[in-house]
Amino acid sequence: MLTMLLVAATLQAQADITPSTQSAQAIPADARAAIARANADWLRAMERQDAEAVVEPYADDAVFVPATGESVSGRAAIAQLMRNRFRAGHVVGGELKQDGLVAVGSMIYEWGHADLRVAVAAGGSSSPSTGRYLTVWKRDASGHWRIIRNLSLGD
């Protein structure tokens, strides 16, 4: 429960960030492109149930906190979590919408929401699933933008 409260507080704080209230910087064009590409690729990977593609933009030591409040550390563990989730159900369509993006220091904070359709059985009917997210991006040593933290909240 404490994790969920901290996540909710973090998301609310992010909603209040504007360039005029923080020492925000311009978002580099390569970061905008990498984030947009990762978001588009995420939805297609979820539809294909491709855990390796889902975690491709994550740093090796990334931390993912799903709506359940657990904390999963490391790209391999996050991929395993995704494979486990695919057994229970999978995304069959929907949309990921970025609500905000701000650069502060060496990191970029992205937040938004998802409106998805999820099926629990192959060929079965789908139901709506909505949620919010907060993702922290950082450039790695090779110059690629990577997810270092990702928080997901169901509505």
N, C-alpha and C. Protein backbone atom coordinates (compact mmCIF):
# COMPACT_ATOMS: atom_id res chain seq x y z
N MET A 1 0.82 -1.18 0.00
CA MET A 1 0.00 0.00 0.00
C MET A 1 0.87 1.26 0.00
N LEU A 2 1.95 1.24 0.78
CA LEU A 2 2.84 2.38 0.83
C LEU A 2 3.42 2.65 -0.56
N THR A 3 3.80 1.58 -1.28
CA THR A 3 4.34 1.76 -2.63
C THR A 3 3.32 2.46 -3.52
N MET A 4 2.07 2.04 -3.44
CA MET A 4 1.03 2.64 -4.27
C MET A 4 0.84 4.12 -3.92
N LEU A 5 0.89 4.46 -2.65
CA LEU A 5 0.77 5.86 -2.25
C LEU A 5 1.94 6.69 -2.78
N LEU A 6 3.15 6.13 -2.70
CA LEU A 6 4.33 6.84 -3.21
C LEU A 6 4.23 7.03 -4.72
N VAL A 7 3.77 6.01 -5.42
CA VAL A 7 3.61 6.10 -6.87
C VAL A 7 2.57 7.17 -7.20
N ALA A 8 1.45 7.15 -6.51
CA ALA A 8 0.41 8.14 -6.77
C ALA A 8 0.92 9.55 -6.51
N ALA A 9 1.67 9.73 -5.43
CA ALA A 9 2.23 11.05 -5.12
C ALA A 9 3.23 11.48 -6.19
N THR A 10 4.03 10.55 -6.67
CA THR A 10 5.00 10.85 -7.72
C THR A 10 4.30 11.27 -9.00
N LEU A 11 3.24 10.54 -9.37
CA LEU A 11 2.50 10.90 -10.57
C LEU A 11 1.86 12.27 -10.43
N GLN A 12 1.30 12.57 -9.27
CA GLN A 12 0.70 13.88 -9.06
C GLN A 12 1.76 14.97 -9.14
N ALA A 13 2.91 14.72 -8.54
CA ALA A 13 3.99 15.70 -8.59
C ALA A 13 4.42 15.95 -10.03
N GLN A 14 4.49 14.88 -10.83
CA GLN A 14 4.87 15.04 -12.22
C GLN A 14 3.84 15.86 -12.99
N ALA A 15 2.57 15.70 -12.65
CA ALA A 15 1.52 16.44 -13.34
C ALA A 15 1.66 17.94 -13.07
N ASP A 16 2.26 18.30 -11.92
CA ASP A 16 2.43 19.70 -11.56
C ASP A 16 3.70 20.33 -12.11
N ILE A 17 4.60 19.53 -12.70
CA ILE A 17 5.85 20.07 -13.23
C ILE A 17 5.61 20.80 -14.53
N THR A 18 6.10 22.00 -14.60
CA THR A 18 6.12 22.75 -15.84
C THR A 18 7.49 23.37 -15.95
N PRO A 19 7.92 23.72 -17.17
CA PRO A 19 9.23 24.34 -17.29
C PRO A 19 9.40 25.58 -16.42
N SER A 20 8.31 26.28 -16.11
CA SER A 20 8.44 27.49 -15.30
C SER A 20 8.58 27.18 -13.82
N THR A 21 8.18 25.95 -13.36
CA THR A 21 8.28 25.63 -11.94
C THR A 21 9.49 24.79 -11.60
N GLN A 22 10.20 24.30 -12.55
CA GLN A 22 11.39 23.48 -12.33
C GLN A 22 12.50 23.99 -13.23
N SER A 23 13.70 23.54 -12.97
CA SER A 23 14.80 23.92 -13.84
C SER A 23 14.83 22.92 -15.00
N ALA A 24 13.77 22.93 -15.79
CA ALA A 24 13.65 22.02 -16.91
C ALA A 24 14.50 22.51 -18.08
N GLN A 25 14.84 21.56 -18.92
CA GLN A 25 15.66 21.87 -20.09
C GLN A 25 14.90 21.44 -21.34
N ALA A 26 15.39 21.84 -22.48
CA ALA A 26 14.80 21.39 -23.74
C ALA A 26 15.02 19.89 -23.87
N ILE A 27 14.03 19.21 -24.42
CA ILE A 27 14.13 17.76 -24.65
C ILE A 27 14.95 17.56 -25.93
N PRO A 28 16.06 16.83 -25.87
CA PRO A 28 16.84 16.59 -27.09
C PRO A 28 15.99 15.87 -28.16
N ALA A 29 16.19 16.22 -29.40
CA ALA A 29 15.41 15.63 -30.49
C ALA A 29 15.60 14.11 -30.54
N ASP A 30 16.81 13.62 -30.29
CA ASP A 30 17.02 12.18 -30.33
C ASP A 30 16.27 11.47 -29.20
N ALA A 31 16.11 12.14 -28.07
CA ALA A 31 15.34 11.57 -26.96
C ALA A 31 13.87 11.50 -27.32
N ARG A 32 13.33 12.58 -27.88
CA ARG A 32 11.92 12.57 -28.30
C ARG A 32 11.66 11.43 -29.28
N ALA A 33 12.56 11.27 -30.24
CA ALA A 33 12.39 10.21 -31.25
C ALA A 33 12.48 8.83 -30.61
N ALA A 34 13.45 8.63 -29.72
CA ALA A 34 13.62 7.32 -29.08
C ALA A 34 12.41 6.97 -28.22
N ILE A 35 11.89 7.94 -27.50
CA ILE A 35 10.73 7.70 -26.63
C ILE A 35 9.49 7.41 -27.47
N ALA A 36 9.26 8.19 -28.51
CA ALA A 36 8.11 7.94 -29.38
C ALA A 36 8.20 6.56 -30.02
N ARG A 37 9.38 6.19 -30.48
CA ARG A 37 9.59 4.87 -31.10
C ARG A 37 9.35 3.75 -30.08
N ALA A 38 9.88 3.92 -28.87
CA ALA A 38 9.71 2.91 -27.83
C ALA A 38 8.24 2.74 -27.46
N ASN A 39 7.50 3.84 -27.39
CA ASN A 39 6.09 3.75 -27.05
C ASN A 39 5.30 3.02 -28.14
N ALA A 40 5.57 3.34 -29.39
CA ALA A 40 4.89 2.66 -30.50
C ALA A 40 5.28 1.18 -30.53
N ASP A 41 6.56 0.90 -30.34
CA ASP A 41 7.03 -0.49 -30.34
C ASP A 41 6.44 -1.28 -29.17
N TRP A 42 6.24 -0.63 -28.02
CA TRP A 42 5.71 -1.30 -26.83
C TRP A 42 4.33 -1.89 -27.12
N LEU A 43 3.46 -1.10 -27.72
CA LEU A 43 2.11 -1.58 -27.99
C LEU A 43 2.13 -2.77 -28.94
N ARG A 44 2.91 -2.68 -30.01
CA ARG A 44 3.00 -3.80 -30.96
C ARG A 44 3.61 -5.03 -30.29
N ALA A 45 4.62 -4.85 -29.44
CA ALA A 45 5.24 -5.98 -28.73
C ALA A 45 4.26 -6.62 -27.75
N MET A 46 3.46 -5.82 -27.08
CA MET A 46 2.46 -6.37 -26.17
C MET A 46 1.43 -7.19 -26.94
N GLU A 47 1.03 -6.69 -28.11
CA GLU A 47 0.06 -7.42 -28.93
C GLU A 47 0.64 -8.75 -29.42
N ARG A 48 1.94 -8.78 -29.72
CA ARG A 48 2.60 -10.02 -30.18
C ARG A 48 3.02 -10.92 -29.03
N GLN A 49 2.90 -10.42 -27.80
CA GLN A 49 3.35 -11.13 -26.60
C GLN A 49 4.85 -11.40 -26.67
N ASP A 50 5.60 -10.39 -27.07
CA ASP A 50 7.04 -10.48 -27.27
C ASP A 50 7.76 -9.77 -26.11
N ALA A 51 8.06 -10.51 -25.06
CA ALA A 51 8.66 -9.94 -23.86
C ALA A 51 10.01 -9.28 -24.15
N GLU A 52 10.81 -9.89 -25.01
CA GLU A 52 12.13 -9.31 -25.31
C GLU A 52 12.00 -7.95 -25.98
N ALA A 53 11.02 -7.80 -26.86
CA ALA A 53 10.81 -6.51 -27.51
C ALA A 53 10.26 -5.49 -26.51
N VAL A 54 9.41 -5.93 -25.57
CA VAL A 54 8.87 -5.03 -24.56
C VAL A 54 10.00 -4.41 -23.75
N VAL A 55 10.99 -5.21 -23.37
CA VAL A 55 12.05 -4.71 -22.47
C VAL A 55 13.26 -4.15 -23.22
N GLU A 56 13.24 -4.14 -24.52
CA GLU A 56 14.39 -3.66 -25.30
C GLU A 56 14.85 -2.27 -24.88
N PRO A 57 13.94 -1.30 -24.62
CA PRO A 57 14.43 0.04 -24.24
C PRO A 57 14.86 0.17 -22.78
N TYR A 58 14.72 -0.88 -21.98
CA TYR A 58 15.07 -0.81 -20.57
C TYR A 58 16.59 -0.93 -20.38
N ALA A 59 17.10 -0.22 -19.37
CA ALA A 59 18.49 -0.40 -18.94
C ALA A 59 18.61 -1.76 -18.27
N ASP A 60 19.80 -2.31 -18.27
CA ASP A 60 20.02 -3.62 -17.65
C ASP A 60 19.61 -3.63 -16.18
N ASP A 61 19.76 -2.50 -15.49
CA ASP A 61 19.44 -2.43 -14.07
C ASP A 61 18.15 -1.64 -13.79
N ALA A 62 17.28 -1.57 -14.78
CA ALA A 62 16.02 -0.83 -14.64
C ALA A 62 15.15 -1.44 -13.53
N VAL A 63 14.25 -0.61 -13.00
CA VAL A 63 13.28 -1.07 -12.01
C VAL A 63 11.89 -0.76 -12.56
N PHE A 64 11.03 -1.78 -12.52
CA PHE A 64 9.64 -1.64 -12.96
C PHE A 64 8.73 -1.92 -11.78
N VAL A 65 7.79 -1.01 -11.54
CA VAL A 65 6.80 -1.18 -10.48
C VAL A 65 5.44 -1.24 -11.16
N PRO A 66 4.86 -2.45 -11.28
CA PRO A 66 3.54 -2.58 -11.89
C PRO A 66 2.44 -2.15 -10.92
N ALA A 67 1.21 -2.13 -11.39
CA ALA A 67 0.07 -1.68 -10.59
C ALA A 67 -0.12 -2.49 -9.32
N THR A 68 0.43 -3.69 -9.26
CA THR A 68 0.32 -4.52 -8.06
C THR A 68 1.17 -3.99 -6.91
N GLY A 69 2.13 -3.10 -7.21
CA GLY A 69 2.98 -2.50 -6.19
C GLY A 69 4.28 -3.23 -5.95
N GLU A 70 4.44 -4.41 -6.58
CA GLU A 70 5.72 -5.12 -6.41
C GLU A 70 6.80 -4.36 -7.17
N SER A 71 8.03 -4.67 -6.89
CA SER A 71 9.15 -4.02 -7.57
C SER A 71 9.98 -5.10 -8.25
N VAL A 72 10.21 -4.93 -9.54
CA VAL A 72 10.97 -5.91 -10.32
C VAL A 72 12.22 -5.21 -10.84
N SER A 73 13.39 -5.76 -10.52
CA SER A 73 14.66 -5.13 -10.88
C SER A 73 15.39 -5.94 -11.94
N GLY A 74 15.88 -5.23 -12.96
CA GLY A 74 16.68 -5.84 -14.00
C GLY A 74 15.87 -6.21 -15.24
N ARG A 75 16.48 -6.00 -16.39
CA ARG A 75 15.81 -6.27 -17.66
C ARG A 75 15.34 -7.71 -17.76
N ALA A 76 16.16 -8.68 -17.36
CA ALA A 76 15.78 -10.10 -17.46
C ALA A 76 14.57 -10.40 -16.59
N ALA A 77 14.53 -9.87 -15.38
CA ALA A 77 13.40 -10.11 -14.48
C ALA A 77 12.13 -9.45 -14.99
N ILE A 78 12.27 -8.27 -15.59
CA ILE A 78 11.11 -7.59 -16.16
C ILE A 78 10.57 -8.39 -17.34
N ALA A 79 11.45 -8.94 -18.17
CA ALA A 79 11.02 -9.79 -19.29
C ALA A 79 10.27 -11.01 -18.78
N GLN A 80 10.77 -11.62 -17.70
CA GLN A 80 10.08 -12.78 -17.13
C GLN A 80 8.70 -12.39 -16.61
N LEU A 81 8.60 -11.24 -15.97
CA LEU A 81 7.31 -10.75 -15.51
C LEU A 81 6.35 -10.62 -16.69
N MET A 82 6.83 -10.08 -17.81
CA MET A 82 5.99 -9.93 -18.99
C MET A 82 5.53 -11.30 -19.51
N ARG A 83 6.44 -12.26 -19.58
CA ARG A 83 6.06 -13.61 -20.04
C ARG A 83 4.98 -14.21 -19.13
N ASN A 84 5.12 -14.01 -17.83
CA ASN A 84 4.12 -14.50 -16.88
C ASN A 84 2.77 -13.82 -17.12
N ARG A 85 2.81 -12.53 -17.37
CA ARG A 85 1.57 -11.79 -17.64
C ARG A 85 0.90 -12.28 -18.92
N PHE A 86 1.68 -12.60 -19.92
CA PHE A 86 1.11 -13.05 -21.19
C PHE A 86 0.34 -14.35 -21.02
N ARG A 87 0.72 -15.16 -20.05
CA ARG A 87 -0.02 -16.41 -19.79
C ARG A 87 -1.41 -16.13 -19.26
N ALA A 88 -1.55 -15.02 -18.54
CA ALA A 88 -2.84 -14.67 -17.93
C ALA A 88 -3.73 -13.89 -18.88
N GLY A 89 -3.16 -13.19 -19.83
CA GLY A 89 -3.92 -12.38 -20.77
C GLY A 89 -2.98 -11.55 -21.60
N HIS A 90 -3.49 -11.00 -22.67
CA HIS A 90 -2.61 -10.19 -23.51
C HIS A 90 -3.38 -9.04 -24.16
N VAL A 91 -2.62 -8.01 -24.51
CA VAL A 91 -3.17 -6.83 -25.16
C VAL A 91 -3.54 -7.19 -26.60
N VAL A 92 -4.75 -6.82 -27.00
CA VAL A 92 -5.19 -7.06 -28.37
C VAL A 92 -5.43 -5.77 -29.13
N GLY A 93 -5.18 -4.64 -28.48
CA GLY A 93 -5.33 -3.35 -29.15
C GLY A 93 -5.37 -2.24 -28.12
N GLY A 94 -5.42 -1.04 -28.61
CA GLY A 94 -5.51 0.11 -27.72
C GLY A 94 -4.57 1.21 -28.08
N GLU A 95 -4.28 2.02 -27.10
CA GLU A 95 -3.50 3.23 -27.35
C GLU A 95 -2.73 3.63 -26.10
N LEU A 96 -1.52 4.09 -26.30
CA LEU A 96 -0.68 4.66 -25.25
C LEU A 96 -0.55 6.14 -25.56
N LYS A 97 -0.92 6.98 -24.60
CA LYS A 97 -0.91 8.42 -24.82
C LYS A 97 0.04 9.09 -23.83
N GLN A 98 0.99 9.82 -24.36
CA GLN A 98 1.92 10.58 -23.52
C GLN A 98 1.22 11.87 -23.11
N ASP A 99 1.18 12.14 -21.80
CA ASP A 99 0.56 13.36 -21.30
C ASP A 99 1.58 14.46 -21.02
N GLY A 100 2.83 14.08 -20.79
CA GLY A 100 3.84 15.08 -20.51
C GLY A 100 5.23 14.52 -20.61
N LEU A 101 6.18 15.41 -20.80
CA LEU A 101 7.58 15.05 -20.96
C LEU A 101 8.39 16.24 -20.50
N VAL A 102 9.34 16.00 -19.59
CA VAL A 102 10.19 17.09 -19.11
C VAL A 102 11.59 16.55 -18.85
N ALA A 103 12.58 17.35 -19.20
CA ALA A 103 13.98 17.00 -18.92
C ALA A 103 14.44 17.81 -17.73
N VAL A 104 15.00 17.11 -16.75
CA VAL A 104 15.57 17.76 -15.58
C VAL A 104 16.90 17.07 -15.31
N GLY A 105 17.97 17.83 -15.36
CA GLY A 105 19.29 17.23 -15.19
C GLY A 105 19.57 16.26 -16.33
N SER A 106 20.05 15.08 -16.00
CA SER A 106 20.39 14.09 -17.03
C SER A 106 19.24 13.14 -17.35
N MET A 107 18.09 13.39 -16.76
CA MET A 107 16.96 12.48 -16.95
C MET A 107 15.78 13.15 -17.62
N ILE A 108 14.98 12.32 -18.26
CA ILE A 108 13.73 12.77 -18.85
C ILE A 108 12.60 12.00 -18.17
N TYR A 109 11.62 12.76 -17.72
CA TYR A 109 10.45 12.18 -17.06
C TYR A 109 9.28 12.24 -18.04
N GLU A 110 8.67 11.09 -18.24
CA GLU A 110 7.53 10.97 -19.15
C GLU A 110 6.36 10.42 -18.37
N TRP A 111 5.18 10.96 -18.58
CA TRP A 111 4.00 10.40 -17.95
C TRP A 111 2.85 10.42 -18.94
N GLY A 112 1.92 9.50 -18.72
CA GLY A 112 0.79 9.40 -19.62
C GLY A 112 -0.19 8.35 -19.16
N HIS A 113 -1.00 7.89 -20.10
CA HIS A 113 -2.02 6.90 -19.77
C HIS A 113 -2.20 5.94 -20.94
N ALA A 114 -2.78 4.80 -20.62
CA ALA A 114 -3.04 3.78 -21.63
C ALA A 114 -4.52 3.40 -21.59
N ASP A 115 -5.09 3.24 -22.76
CA ASP A 115 -6.44 2.70 -22.92
C ASP A 115 -6.27 1.46 -23.78
N LEU A 116 -6.34 0.30 -23.17
CA LEU A 116 -6.04 -0.95 -23.86
C LEU A 116 -7.25 -1.87 -23.89
N ARG A 117 -7.21 -2.83 -24.79
CA ARG A 117 -8.15 -3.95 -24.80
C ARG A 117 -7.34 -5.20 -24.51
N VAL A 118 -7.77 -5.96 -23.51
CA VAL A 118 -7.03 -7.13 -23.06
C VAL A 118 -7.92 -8.36 -23.17
N ALA A 119 -7.38 -9.44 -23.75
CA ALA A 119 -8.08 -10.72 -23.83
C ALA A 119 -7.43 -11.68 -22.84
N VAL A 120 -8.24 -12.47 -22.14
CA VAL A 120 -7.70 -13.42 -21.18
C VAL A 120 -7.48 -14.79 -21.78
N ALA A 121 -8.03 -15.06 -22.95
CA ALA A 121 -7.83 -16.35 -23.63
C ALA A 121 -7.63 -16.10 -25.11
N ALA A 122 -6.85 -16.96 -25.74
CA ALA A 122 -6.62 -16.83 -27.18
C ALA A 122 -7.96 -16.89 -27.90
N GLY A 123 -8.23 -15.89 -28.71
CA GLY A 123 -9.48 -15.85 -29.47
C GLY A 123 -10.68 -15.44 -28.64
N GLY A 124 -10.48 -15.21 -27.36
CA GLY A 124 -11.58 -14.84 -26.47
C GLY A 124 -11.94 -13.38 -26.61
N SER A 125 -13.02 -12.99 -25.95
CA SER A 125 -13.44 -11.59 -25.99
C SER A 125 -12.45 -10.74 -25.19
N SER A 126 -12.43 -9.48 -25.51
CA SER A 126 -11.52 -8.56 -24.82
C SER A 126 -12.31 -7.63 -23.92
N SER A 127 -11.62 -7.07 -22.96
CA SER A 127 -12.23 -6.10 -22.07
C SER A 127 -11.30 -4.90 -21.95
N PRO A 128 -11.86 -3.74 -21.62
CA PRO A 128 -11.01 -2.55 -21.50
C PRO A 128 -10.14 -2.60 -20.25
N SER A 129 -8.97 -2.01 -20.37
CA SER A 129 -8.03 -1.88 -19.26
C SER A 129 -7.39 -0.51 -19.38
N THR A 130 -7.47 0.29 -18.35
CA THR A 130 -6.90 1.63 -18.40
C THR A 130 -5.90 1.80 -17.27
N GLY A 131 -4.97 2.69 -17.46
CA GLY A 131 -3.99 2.96 -16.42
C GLY A 131 -3.14 4.16 -16.76
N ARG A 132 -2.29 4.52 -15.80
CA ARG A 132 -1.37 5.64 -15.95
C ARG A 132 0.04 5.15 -15.77
N TYR A 133 1.01 5.90 -16.28
CA TYR A 133 2.41 5.50 -16.15
C TYR A 133 3.30 6.70 -15.92
N LEU A 134 4.44 6.42 -15.32
CA LEU A 134 5.52 7.39 -15.17
C LEU A 134 6.80 6.65 -15.53
N THR A 135 7.52 7.17 -16.49
CA THR A 135 8.75 6.53 -16.96
C THR A 135 9.90 7.52 -16.86
N VAL A 136 11.03 7.04 -16.35
CA VAL A 136 12.23 7.88 -16.25
C VAL A 136 13.25 7.34 -17.25
N TRP A 137 13.73 8.20 -18.11
CA TRP A 137 14.69 7.86 -19.16
C TRP A 137 16.03 8.50 -18.85
N LYS A 138 17.10 7.80 -19.23
CA LYS A 138 18.45 8.35 -19.08
C LYS A 138 19.31 7.81 -20.21
N ARG A 139 20.20 8.65 -20.70
CA ARG A 139 21.11 8.23 -21.77
C ARG A 139 22.17 7.30 -21.18
N ASP A 140 22.39 6.15 -21.83
CA ASP A 140 23.40 5.21 -21.33
C ASP A 140 24.78 5.57 -21.90
N ALA A 141 25.79 4.81 -21.53
CA ALA A 141 27.17 5.09 -21.93
C ALA A 141 27.36 5.04 -23.45
N SER A 142 26.52 4.27 -24.13
CA SER A 142 26.63 4.17 -25.59
C SER A 142 25.81 5.24 -26.31
N GLY A 143 25.11 6.10 -25.55
CA GLY A 143 24.35 7.19 -26.15
C GLY A 143 22.89 6.88 -26.39
N HIS A 144 22.43 5.69 -26.05
CA HIS A 144 21.02 5.33 -26.22
C HIS A 144 20.19 5.77 -25.02
N TRP A 145 18.98 6.24 -25.29
CA TRP A 145 18.07 6.58 -24.20
C TRP A 145 17.44 5.29 -23.70
N ARG A 146 17.52 5.06 -22.39
CA ARG A 146 17.04 3.83 -21.75
C ARG A 146 16.09 4.15 -20.61
N ILE A 147 15.14 3.27 -20.40
CA ILE A 147 14.24 3.38 -19.26
C ILE A 147 15.00 2.89 -18.02
N ILE A 148 15.08 3.74 -17.01
CA ILE A 148 15.73 3.30 -15.76
C ILE A 148 14.70 3.03 -14.66
N ARG A 149 13.55 3.67 -14.76
CA ARG A 149 12.45 3.44 -13.81
C ARG A 149 11.15 3.54 -14.59
N ASN A 150 10.22 2.64 -14.24
CA ASN A 150 8.92 2.66 -14.89
C ASN A 150 7.86 2.27 -13.85
N LEU A 151 6.90 3.13 -13.66
CA LEU A 151 5.82 2.91 -12.72
C LEU A 151 4.50 2.82 -13.49
N SER A 152 3.67 1.87 -13.14
CA SER A 152 2.40 1.65 -13.82
C SER A 152 1.29 1.58 -12.79
N LEU A 153 0.23 2.35 -13.00
CA LEU A 153 -0.92 2.33 -12.10
C LEU A 153 -2.19 2.03 -12.88
N GLY A 154 -2.98 1.11 -12.39
CA GLY A 154 -4.29 0.87 -12.98
C GLY A 154 -5.25 1.94 -12.51
N ASP A 155 -6.27 2.17 -13.29
CA ASP A 155 -7.32 3.13 -12.88
C ASP A 155 -8.40 2.41 -12.11
